C-alpha atoms as a PDB file:
ATOM      1  CA  MET A   1       0.366 -21.203  18.411  1.00  0.00           C
ATOM      2  CA  ALA A   2       1.846 -20.018  15.125  1.00  0.00           C
ATOM      3  CA  SER A   3       4.813 -17.656  15.080  1.00  0.00           C
ATOM      4  CA  LYS A   4       4.073 -14.054  14.227  1.00  0.00           C
ATOM      5  CA  PHE A   5       5.684 -11.633  11.811  1.00  0.00           C
ATOM      6  CA  TYR A   6       5.475  -7.903  11.142  1.00  0.00           C
ATOM      7  CA  TYR A   7       4.146  -6.691   7.817  1.00  0.00           C
ATOM      8  CA  PHE A   8       4.367  -3.201   6.289  1.00  0.00           C
ATOM      9  CA  GLY A   9       1.269  -2.378   4.222  1.00  0.00           C
ATOM     10  CA  PHE A  10       1.549   0.759   2.085  1.00  0.00           C
ATOM     11  CA  GLY A  11      -1.113   0.168  -0.595  1.00  0.00           C
ATOM     12  CA  SER A  12      -4.595  -1.279  -0.250  1.00  0.00           C
ATOM     13  CA  ASN A  13      -3.423  -3.152   2.855  1.00  0.00           C
ATOM     14  CA  LEU A  14      -3.324   0.111   4.775  1.00  0.00           C
ATOM     15  CA  LEU A  15      -7.047  -0.503   5.209  1.00  0.00           C
ATOM     16  CA  ALA A  16      -7.988  -3.072   7.865  1.00  0.00           C
ATOM     17  CA  LYS A  17     -11.120  -4.275   6.086  1.00  0.00           C
ATOM     18  CA  ARG A  18      -9.116  -4.976   2.913  1.00  0.00           C
ATOM     19  CA  LEU A  19      -6.291  -6.811   4.679  1.00  0.00           C
ATOM     20  CA  HIS A  20      -8.707  -8.845   6.819  1.00  0.00           C
ATOM     21  CA  LEU A  21     -10.450 -10.252   3.716  1.00  0.00           C
ATOM     22  CA  GLN A  22      -7.605 -12.787   3.427  1.00  0.00           C
ATOM     23  CA  ASN A  23      -5.558 -12.253   6.575  1.00  0.00           C
ATOM     24  CA  PRO A  24      -7.927 -12.344   9.564  1.00  0.00           C
ATOM     25  CA  THR A  25      -5.168 -12.576  12.188  1.00  0.00           C
ATOM     26  CA  ALA A  26      -3.685  -9.152  11.328  1.00  0.00           C
ATOM     27  CA  ILE A  27      -3.468  -6.671  14.200  1.00  0.00           C
ATOM     28  CA  ARG A  28      -2.477  -3.097  13.395  1.00  0.00           C
ATOM     29  CA  MET A  29       0.469  -1.952  15.497  1.00  0.00           C
ATOM     30  CA  GLY A  30       0.337   1.626  14.197  1.00  0.00           C
ATOM     31  CA  PRO A  31       1.736   3.881  11.506  1.00  0.00           C
ATOM     32  CA  GLY A  32       5.181   3.103  10.148  1.00  0.00           C
ATOM     33  CA  LYS A  33       7.718   5.104   8.174  1.00  0.00           C
ATOM     34  CA  LEU A  34      10.006   3.416   5.657  1.00  0.00           C
ATOM     35  CA  GLU A  35      13.050   5.550   4.858  1.00  0.00           C
ATOM     36  CA  ASN A  36      14.872   5.631   1.508  1.00  0.00           C
ATOM     37  CA  TYR A  37      11.941   4.274  -0.489  1.00  0.00           C
ATOM     38  CA  ARG A  38       9.231   6.014  -2.484  1.00  0.00           C
ATOM     39  CA  LEU A  39       5.648   5.066  -3.208  1.00  0.00           C
ATOM     40  CA  ASP A  40       4.938   4.573  -6.897  1.00  0.00           C
ATOM     41  CA  PHE A  41       2.229   3.050  -9.088  1.00  0.00           C
ATOM     42  CA  TYR A  42       3.124   0.755 -11.948  1.00  0.00           C
ATOM     43  CA  PHE A  43       1.463  -2.661 -12.332  1.00  0.00           C
ATOM     44  CA  PRO A  44      -1.834  -2.690 -14.318  1.00  0.00           C
ATOM     45  CA  SER A  45      -4.226  -4.436 -11.931  1.00  0.00           C
ATOM     46  CA  LYS A  46      -7.408  -5.837 -13.467  1.00  0.00           C
ATOM     47  CA  ARG A  47      -8.863  -6.328  -9.985  1.00  0.00           C
ATOM     48  CA  TRP A  48      -8.391  -2.646  -9.131  1.00  0.00           C
ATOM     49  CA  ASN A  49      -8.926  -1.267 -12.666  1.00  0.00           C
ATOM     50  CA  GLY A  50      -5.689   0.752 -12.586  1.00  0.00           C
ATOM     51  CA  ALA A  51      -2.060   0.776 -11.505  1.00  0.00           C
ATOM     52  CA  ALA A  52      -1.174  -0.883  -8.198  1.00  0.00           C
ATOM     53  CA  ALA A  53       1.313   0.509  -5.688  1.00  0.00           C
ATOM     54  CA  THR A  54       4.899  -0.498  -5.156  1.00  0.00           C
ATOM     55  CA  ILE A  55       7.805   0.741  -3.095  1.00  0.00           C
ATOM     56  CA  VAL A  56      11.010   1.646  -4.906  1.00  0.00           C
ATOM     57  CA  PRO A  57      14.416   2.190  -3.250  1.00  0.00           C
ATOM     58  CA  THR A  58      14.995   5.956  -3.478  1.00  0.00           C
ATOM     59  CA  LYS A  59      17.566   7.823  -1.412  1.00  0.00           C
ATOM     60  CA  ASP A  60      16.190  10.583   0.814  1.00  0.00           C
ATOM     61  CA  ASP A  61      12.538   9.674   0.220  1.00  0.00           C
ATOM     62  CA  PHE A  62      10.072   7.839   2.472  1.00  0.00           C
ATOM     63  CA  VAL A  63       6.798   5.931   2.508  1.00  0.00           C
ATOM     64  CA  TRP A  64       4.206   5.873   5.289  1.00  0.00           C
ATOM     65  CA  GLY A  65       2.177   2.743   5.840  1.00  0.00           C
ATOM     66  CA  ALA A  66       0.626   0.489   8.442  1.00  0.00           C
ATOM     67  CA  VAL A  67       2.653  -1.938  10.539  1.00  0.00           C
ATOM     68  CA  TRP A  68       0.706  -5.138  11.163  1.00  0.00           C
ATOM     69  CA  GLU A  69       1.440  -8.152  13.339  1.00  0.00           C
ATOM     70  CA  ILE A  70       0.205 -11.287  11.576  1.00  0.00           C
ATOM     71  CA  ASP A  71       0.213 -14.971  12.541  1.00  0.00           C
ATOM     72  CA  GLY A  72       2.616 -17.069  10.487  1.00  0.00           C
ATOM     73  CA  CYS A  73      -0.307 -19.197   9.290  1.00  0.00           C
ATOM     74  CA  ASP A  74      -1.493 -16.224   7.200  1.00  0.00           C
ATOM     75  CA  MET A  75       1.807 -15.640   5.377  1.00  0.00           C
ATOM     76  CA  LYS A  76       0.760 -17.916   2.502  1.00  0.00           C
ATOM     77  CA  HIS A  77      -2.510 -15.956   2.174  1.00  0.00           C
ATOM     78  CA  LEU A  78      -0.595 -12.684   2.043  1.00  0.00           C
ATOM     79  CA  ASP A  79       1.770 -14.122  -0.595  1.00  0.00           C
ATOM     80  CA  GLU A  80      -1.237 -15.283  -2.647  1.00  0.00           C
ATOM     81  CA  GLN A  81      -2.921 -11.886  -2.338  1.00  0.00           C
ATOM     82  CA  GLU A  82       0.245 -10.179  -3.551  1.00  0.00           C
ATOM     83  CA  GLY A  83       0.690 -12.533  -6.522  1.00  0.00           C
ATOM     84  CA  VAL A  84       4.066 -13.905  -5.435  1.00  0.00           C
ATOM     85  CA  ASP A  85       3.524 -17.235  -7.253  1.00  0.00           C
ATOM     86  CA  SER A  86       2.530 -15.311 -10.408  1.00  0.00           C
ATOM     87  CA  GLY A  87       5.727 -13.249 -10.318  1.00  0.00           C
ATOM     88  CA  ILE A  88       3.921  -9.943  -9.731  1.00  0.00           C
ATOM     89  CA  TYR A  89       5.341  -8.988  -6.324  1.00  0.00           C
ATOM     90  CA  THR A  90       8.279 -10.349  -4.372  1.00  0.00           C
ATOM     91  CA  PRO A  91       8.593 -10.309  -0.581  1.00  0.00           C
ATOM     92  CA  ILE A  92      11.391  -8.209   0.904  1.00  0.00           C
ATOM     93  CA  SER A  93      12.518  -7.424   4.435  1.00  0.00           C
ATOM     94  CA  VAL A  94      12.608  -3.746   5.418  1.00  0.00           C
ATOM     95  CA  SER A  95      13.273  -1.827   8.612  1.00  0.00           C
ATOM     96  CA  VAL A  96      10.273   0.344   9.454  1.00  0.00           C
ATOM     97  CA  TYR A  97      10.031   2.867  12.260  1.00  0.00           C
ATOM     98  CA  CYS A  98       6.752   2.255  14.102  1.00  0.00           C
ATOM     99  CA  SER A  99       5.926   5.535  15.827  1.00  0.00           C
ATOM    100  CA  SER A 100       3.353   4.060  18.232  1.00  0.00           C
ATOM    101  CA  LEU A 101       5.957   1.593  19.547  1.00  0.00           C
ATOM    102  CA  ASN A 102       8.816   4.130  19.250  1.00  0.00           C
ATOM    103  CA  LYS A 103      11.134   1.602  17.612  1.00  0.00           C
ATOM    104  CA  SER A 104      12.164   0.122  14.285  1.00  0.00           C
ATOM    105  CA  LEU A 105      10.870  -3.300  13.325  1.00  0.00           C
ATOM    106  CA  ASP A 106      11.957  -5.777  10.671  1.00  0.00           C
ATOM    107  CA  CYS A 107       8.900  -6.081   8.465  1.00  0.00           C
ATOM    108  CA  ARG A 108       7.866  -8.156   5.495  1.00  0.00           C
ATOM    109  CA  ALA A 109       6.823  -5.968   2.572  1.00  0.00           C
ATOM    110  CA  TYR A 110       6.231  -6.570  -1.114  1.00  0.00           C
ATOM    111  CA  HIS A 111       7.436  -4.692  -4.128  1.00  0.00           C
ATOM    112  CA  LEU A 112       6.801  -5.266  -7.792  1.00  0.00           C
ATOM    113  CA  CYS A 113       9.200  -7.621  -9.535  1.00  0.00           C
ATOM    114  CA  ASP A 114       9.130  -5.204 -12.483  1.00  0.00           C
ATOM    115  CA  GLN A 115       9.962  -1.852 -10.877  1.00  0.00           C
ATOM    116  CA  PRO A 116       9.411   1.520 -12.595  1.00  0.00           C
ATOM    117  CA  ALA A 117      12.566   3.168 -13.896  1.00  0.00           C
ATOM    118  CA  THR A 118      11.222   6.722 -13.719  1.00  0.00           C
ATOM    119  CA  ASN A 119      10.055   8.453 -10.557  1.00  0.00           C
ATOM    120  CA  LEU A 120       6.377   9.418 -10.621  1.00  0.00           C
ATOM    121  CA  LYS A 121       7.128  12.306  -8.251  1.00  0.00           C
ATOM    122  CA  ASN A 122       9.299  13.931 -10.935  1.00  0.00           C
ATOM    123  CA  MET A 123       6.340  14.185 -13.323  1.00  0.00           C
ATOM    124  CA  SER A 124       3.630  16.805 -13.441  1.00  0.00           C
ATOM    125  CA  ALA A 125       0.081  15.454 -13.193  1.00  0.00           C
ATOM    126  CA  ASP A 126      -0.339  15.945 -16.963  1.00  0.00           C
ATOM    127  CA  GLU A 127       2.774  13.849 -17.671  1.00  0.00           C
ATOM    128  CA  VAL A 128       1.673  10.756 -15.723  1.00  0.00           C
ATOM    129  CA  PRO A 129       0.812   8.099 -18.310  1.00  0.00           C
ATOM    130  CA  MET A 130      -2.498   6.265 -17.946  1.00  0.00           C
ATOM    131  CA  GLU A 131      -0.750   2.955 -17.162  1.00  0.00           C
ATOM    132  CA  ARG A 132       0.891   4.606 -14.096  1.00  0.00           C
ATOM    133  CA  GLN A 133      -2.407   5.925 -12.699  1.00  0.00           C
ATOM    134  CA  PRO A 134      -4.246   4.072  -9.925  1.00  0.00           C
ATOM    135  CA  SER A 135      -8.015   3.814 -10.132  1.00  0.00           C
ATOM    136  CA  LEU A 136     -10.194   6.170  -8.141  1.00  0.00           C
ATOM    137  CA  THR A 137     -11.276   3.189  -6.000  1.00  0.00           C
ATOM    138  CA  TYR A 138      -7.691   2.120  -5.276  1.00  0.00           C
ATOM    139  CA  LEU A 139      -6.612   5.626  -4.322  1.00  0.00           C
ATOM    140  CA  LYS A 140      -9.651   6.051  -2.052  1.00  0.00           C
ATOM    141  CA  THR A 141      -8.687   2.757  -0.378  1.00  0.00           C
ATOM    142  CA  LEU A 142      -5.186   4.093   0.323  1.00  0.00           C
ATOM    143  CA  VAL A 143      -6.544   7.369   1.697  1.00  0.00           C
ATOM    144  CA  LYS A 144      -9.124   5.647   3.909  1.00  0.00           C
ATOM    145  CA  GLY A 145      -6.466   3.258   5.207  1.00  0.00           C
ATOM    146  CA  ALA A 146      -4.019   6.103   5.852  1.00  0.00           C
ATOM    147  CA  LEU A 147      -6.652   7.992   7.847  1.00  0.00           C
ATOM    148  CA  GLU A 148      -7.595   4.834   9.748  1.00  0.00           C
ATOM    149  CA  THR A 149      -3.919   4.144  10.537  1.00  0.00           C
ATOM    150  CA  GLY A 150      -3.181   7.666  11.795  1.00  0.00           C
ATOM    151  CA  ILE A 151      -0.622   8.531   9.140  1.00  0.00           C
ATOM    152  CA  PRO A 152       0.496  12.199   9.226  1.00  0.00           C
ATOM    153  CA  SER A 153      -1.930  14.548   7.486  1.00  0.00           C
ATOM    154  CA  ASP A 154       0.626  15.969   5.039  1.00  0.00           C
ATOM    155  CA  TYR A 155       1.199  12.477   3.609  1.00  0.00           C
ATOM    156  CA  VAL A 156      -2.571  11.871   3.418  1.00  0.00           C
ATOM    157  CA  GLU A 157      -2.982  15.169   1.558  1.00  0.00           C
ATOM    158  CA  TRP A 158      -0.234  14.124  -0.858  1.00  0.00           C
ATOM    159  CA  LEU A 159      -2.035  10.807  -1.478  1.00  0.00           C
ATOM    160  CA  LYS A 160      -5.276  12.679  -2.200  1.00  0.00           C
ATOM    161  CA  LYS A 161      -3.486  14.581  -4.990  1.00  0.00           C
ATOM    162  CA  VAL A 162      -2.049  11.544  -6.802  1.00  0.00           C
ATOM    163  CA  LYS A 163      -3.320  11.516 -10.382  1.00  0.00           C
ATOM    164  CA  HIS A 164      -5.862   8.710 -10.847  1.00  0.00           C
ATOM    165  CA  ASN A 165      -7.607   7.341 -13.925  1.00  0.00           C
ATOM    166  CA  THR A 166     -11.165   8.122 -12.639  1.00  0.00           C
ATOM    167  CA  LYS A 167     -12.158   4.438 -12.952  1.00  0.00           C
ATOM    168  CA  SER A 168     -13.814   2.492 -10.184  1.00  0.00           C
ATOM    169  CA  ALA A 169     -13.557  -1.122  -9.122  1.00  0.00           C
ATOM    170  CA  ASP A 170     -17.170  -1.755  -8.208  1.00  0.00           C
ATOM    171  CA  TYR A 171     -16.665  -4.782  -5.960  1.00  0.00           C
ATOM    172  CA  PHE A 172     -14.137  -2.982  -3.758  1.00  0.00           C
ATOM    173  CA  GLU A 173     -16.040   0.307  -3.847  1.00  0.00           C
ATOM    174  CA  LYS A 174     -18.988  -1.375  -2.090  1.00  0.00           C
ATOM    175  CA  GLU A 175     -17.089  -3.944  -0.030  1.00  0.00           C
ATOM    176  CA  LEU A 176     -14.722  -1.366   1.477  1.00  0.00           C
ATOM    177  CA  GLU A 177     -17.356   1.348   1.999  1.00  0.00           C
ATOM    178  CA  LEU A 178     -15.446   4.075   0.184  1.00  0.00           C
ATOM    179  CA  ASP A 179     -18.368   6.382  -0.607  1.00  0.00           C
ATOM    180  CA  LYS A 180     -17.384   9.016   2.009  1.00  0.00           C
ATOM    181  CA  ILE A 181     -13.748   9.368   0.917  1.00  0.00           C
ATOM    182  CA  LYS A 182     -13.086  12.562  -1.046  1.00  0.00           C
ATOM    183  CA  LEU A 183      -9.976  13.254  -3.085  1.00  0.00           C
ATOM    184  CA  ASN A 184      -8.585  16.651  -4.207  1.00  0.00           C
END
Protein backbone atom coordinates (compact mmCIF):
# COMPACT_ATOMS: atom_id res chain seq x y z
CA MET A 1 0.00 0.00 0.00
CA ALA A 2 1.38 3.38 -1.03
CA SER A 3 1.85 6.14 1.54
CA LYS A 4 -0.69 8.93 1.49
CA PHE A 5 -0.34 12.69 1.52
CA TYR A 6 -2.67 15.64 1.98
CA TYR A 7 -3.19 18.06 -0.88
CA PHE A 8 -4.78 21.53 -0.82
CA GLY A 9 -6.67 22.26 -4.05
CA PHE A 10 -7.77 25.88 -4.48
CA GLY A 11 -8.24 26.15 -8.27
CA SER A 12 -9.76 23.67 -10.69
CA ASN A 13 -8.84 20.87 -8.27
CA LEU A 14 -11.57 22.02 -5.92
CA LEU A 15 -13.83 19.98 -8.20
CA ALA A 16 -13.72 16.21 -7.66
CA LYS A 17 -14.42 15.33 -11.29
CA ARG A 18 -11.50 17.51 -12.44
CA LEU A 19 -9.03 16.15 -9.89
CA HIS A 20 -10.08 12.54 -10.52
CA LEU A 21 -9.24 12.83 -14.25
CA GLN A 22 -5.58 12.25 -13.34
CA ASN A 23 -5.65 11.42 -9.63
CA PRO A 24 -8.24 8.67 -9.08
CA THR A 25 -7.15 7.89 -5.51
CA ALA A 26 -8.08 11.36 -4.17
CA ILE A 27 -10.56 11.42 -1.29
CA ARG A 28 -11.94 14.78 -0.20
CA MET A 29 -11.45 15.35 3.52
CA GLY A 30 -13.41 18.62 3.54
CA PRO A 31 -12.99 22.36 3.19
CA GLY A 32 -9.69 23.88 4.24
CA LYS A 33 -8.59 27.41 5.06
CA LEU A 34 -5.07 28.60 4.27
CA GLU A 35 -4.13 31.68 6.29
CA ASN A 36 -1.79 34.45 5.12
CA TYR A 37 -2.17 33.67 1.43
CA ARG A 38 -4.43 35.14 -1.24
CA LEU A 39 -5.96 33.63 -4.34
CA ASP A 40 -4.82 35.29 -7.55
CA PHE A 41 -4.88 34.59 -11.28
CA TYR A 42 -1.78 35.06 -13.38
CA PHE A 43 -0.54 32.30 -15.71
CA PRO A 44 -2.04 32.31 -19.25
CA SER A 45 -3.35 28.76 -19.61
CA LYS A 46 -4.03 27.57 -23.16
CA ARG A 47 -5.92 24.57 -21.78
CA TRP A 48 -8.30 26.80 -19.81
CA ASN A 49 -8.31 29.75 -22.26
CA GLY A 50 -7.48 32.28 -19.54
CA ALA A 51 -5.44 32.94 -16.42
CA ALA A 52 -4.92 30.06 -13.98
CA ALA A 53 -5.04 30.39 -10.20
CA THR A 54 -2.16 30.65 -7.79
CA ILE A 55 -1.73 31.30 -4.10
CA VAL A 56 0.47 34.20 -3.05
CA PRO A 57 1.82 34.79 0.48
CA THR A 58 -0.16 37.78 1.77
CA LYS A 59 -0.37 38.75 5.43
CA ASP A 60 -3.88 38.83 6.90
CA ASP A 61 -5.53 37.24 3.86
CA PHE A 62 -6.79 33.68 3.33
CA VAL A 63 -7.76 31.14 0.69
CA TRP A 64 -10.44 28.46 0.97
CA GLY A 65 -9.96 25.19 -0.85
CA ALA A 66 -10.45 21.45 -0.66
CA VAL A 67 -8.24 19.19 1.43
CA TRP A 68 -7.69 15.86 -0.30
CA GLU A 69 -6.00 12.67 0.85
CA ILE A 70 -4.16 11.11 -2.09
CA ASP A 71 -2.10 7.93 -2.46
CA GLY A 72 1.61 8.58 -2.96
CA CYS A 73 1.45 6.77 -6.31
CA ASP A 74 -0.55 9.71 -7.70
CA MET A 75 1.93 12.43 -6.69
CA LYS A 76 3.71 12.22 -10.05
CA HIS A 77 0.36 12.62 -11.83
CA LEU A 78 -0.44 15.69 -9.75
CA ASP A 79 3.01 17.15 -10.50
CA GLU A 80 2.47 16.51 -14.22
CA GLN A 81 -0.99 18.10 -14.12
CA GLU A 82 0.46 21.19 -12.44
CA GLY A 83 3.33 21.52 -14.93
CA VAL A 84 6.11 21.10 -12.37
CA ASP A 85 8.56 19.68 -14.96
CA SER A 86 7.75 22.61 -17.28
CA GLY A 87 8.52 25.16 -14.56
CA ILE A 88 4.95 26.47 -14.36
CA TYR A 89 4.08 25.56 -10.76
CA THR A 90 6.26 24.46 -7.87
CA PRO A 91 5.11 22.27 -4.98
CA ILE A 92 5.10 23.84 -1.52
CA SER A 93 4.11 22.63 1.93
CA VAL A 94 1.43 24.65 3.74
CA SER A 95 -0.50 24.27 6.97
CA VAL A 96 -4.23 24.20 6.25
CA TYR A 97 -7.02 24.16 8.80
CA CYS A 98 -9.47 21.42 7.81
CA SER A 99 -12.77 22.37 9.43
CA SER A 100 -14.38 18.93 9.04
CA LEU A 101 -11.49 17.33 10.95
CA ASN A 102 -11.11 20.32 13.32
CA LYS A 103 -7.33 20.39 12.93
CA SER A 104 -4.51 21.76 10.82
CA LEU A 105 -2.81 19.48 8.33
CA ASP A 106 0.47 19.76 6.45
CA CYS A 107 -0.62 19.80 2.82
CA ARG A 108 1.08 19.79 -0.54
CA ALA A 109 -0.02 22.75 -2.65
CA TYR A 110 1.27 24.38 -5.81
CA HIS A 111 1.92 27.98 -6.63
CA LEU A 112 3.15 29.60 -9.79
CA CYS A 113 6.91 29.88 -10.15
CA ASP A 114 6.33 33.36 -11.58
CA GLN A 115 4.14 35.03 -8.95
CA PRO A 116 2.18 38.26 -9.55
CA ALA A 117 3.68 41.35 -7.96
CA THR A 118 0.40 43.25 -7.69
CA ASN A 119 -2.62 42.11 -5.71
CA LEU A 120 -5.70 41.50 -7.86
CA LYS A 121 -7.91 42.35 -4.87
CA ASN A 122 -6.57 45.92 -4.90
CA MET A 123 -7.88 46.50 -8.43
CA SER A 124 -11.37 47.43 -9.51
CA ALA A 125 -12.96 45.06 -12.02
CA ASP A 126 -12.24 47.57 -14.82
CA GLU A 127 -8.53 47.65 -13.90
CA VAL A 128 -7.94 43.88 -14.12
CA PRO A 129 -5.88 43.29 -17.27
CA MET A 130 -7.04 40.59 -19.68
CA GLU A 131 -3.99 38.41 -18.94
CA ARG A 132 -5.04 38.28 -15.24
CA GLN A 133 -8.60 37.16 -16.01
CA PRO A 134 -9.61 33.50 -15.77
CA SER A 135 -11.90 32.09 -18.43
CA LEU A 136 -15.60 31.74 -17.76
CA THR A 137 -15.14 27.94 -17.80
CA TYR A 138 -12.29 28.03 -15.27
CA LEU A 139 -14.18 30.30 -12.89
CA LYS A 140 -17.30 28.11 -13.13
CA THR A 141 -15.09 25.11 -12.27
CA LEU A 142 -13.85 26.88 -9.13
CA VAL A 143 -17.38 27.85 -8.10
CA LYS A 144 -18.77 24.35 -8.70
CA GLY A 145 -15.89 22.84 -6.74
CA ALA A 146 -16.32 25.32 -3.89
CA LEU A 147 -20.02 24.47 -3.64
CA GLU A 148 -19.27 20.75 -3.81
CA THR A 149 -16.63 21.10 -1.08
CA GLY A 150 -18.87 23.07 1.30
CA ILE A 151 -16.77 26.23 1.33
CA PRO A 152 -18.44 29.15 3.16
CA SER A 153 -20.99 31.00 1.03
CA ASP A 154 -19.34 34.42 1.37
CA TYR A 155 -16.18 33.05 -0.27
CA VAL A 156 -18.25 31.39 -3.02
CA GLU A 157 -20.02 34.70 -3.66
CA TRP A 158 -16.64 36.44 -3.89
CA LEU A 159 -15.48 33.84 -6.44
CA LYS A 160 -18.62 34.43 -8.51
CA LYS A 161 -17.68 38.12 -8.78
CA VAL A 162 -14.09 37.62 -10.00
CA LYS A 163 -13.67 39.34 -13.36
CA HIS A 164 -13.39 36.74 -16.14
CA ASN A 165 -12.59 37.04 -19.83
CA THR A 166 -15.94 35.52 -21.00
CA LYS A 167 -14.10 32.77 -22.92
CA SER A 168 -14.92 29.10 -22.60
CA ALA A 169 -12.77 26.00 -22.71
CA ASP A 170 -15.11 23.70 -24.59
CA TYR A 171 -13.58 20.37 -23.54
CA PHE A 172 -13.83 21.20 -19.83
CA GLU A 173 -17.22 22.88 -20.18
CA LYS A 174 -18.73 19.56 -21.33
CA GLU A 175 -16.50 17.17 -19.38
CA LEU A 176 -17.12 18.91 -16.05
CA GLU A 177 -20.84 19.55 -16.60
CA LEU A 178 -20.69 23.26 -15.87
CA ASP A 179 -23.88 24.32 -17.66
CA LYS A 180 -25.86 24.92 -14.42
CA ILE A 181 -23.26 27.14 -12.74
CA LYS A 182 -24.20 30.83 -12.78
CA LEU A 183 -21.84 33.69 -12.01
CA ASN A 184 -22.73 37.26 -10.93
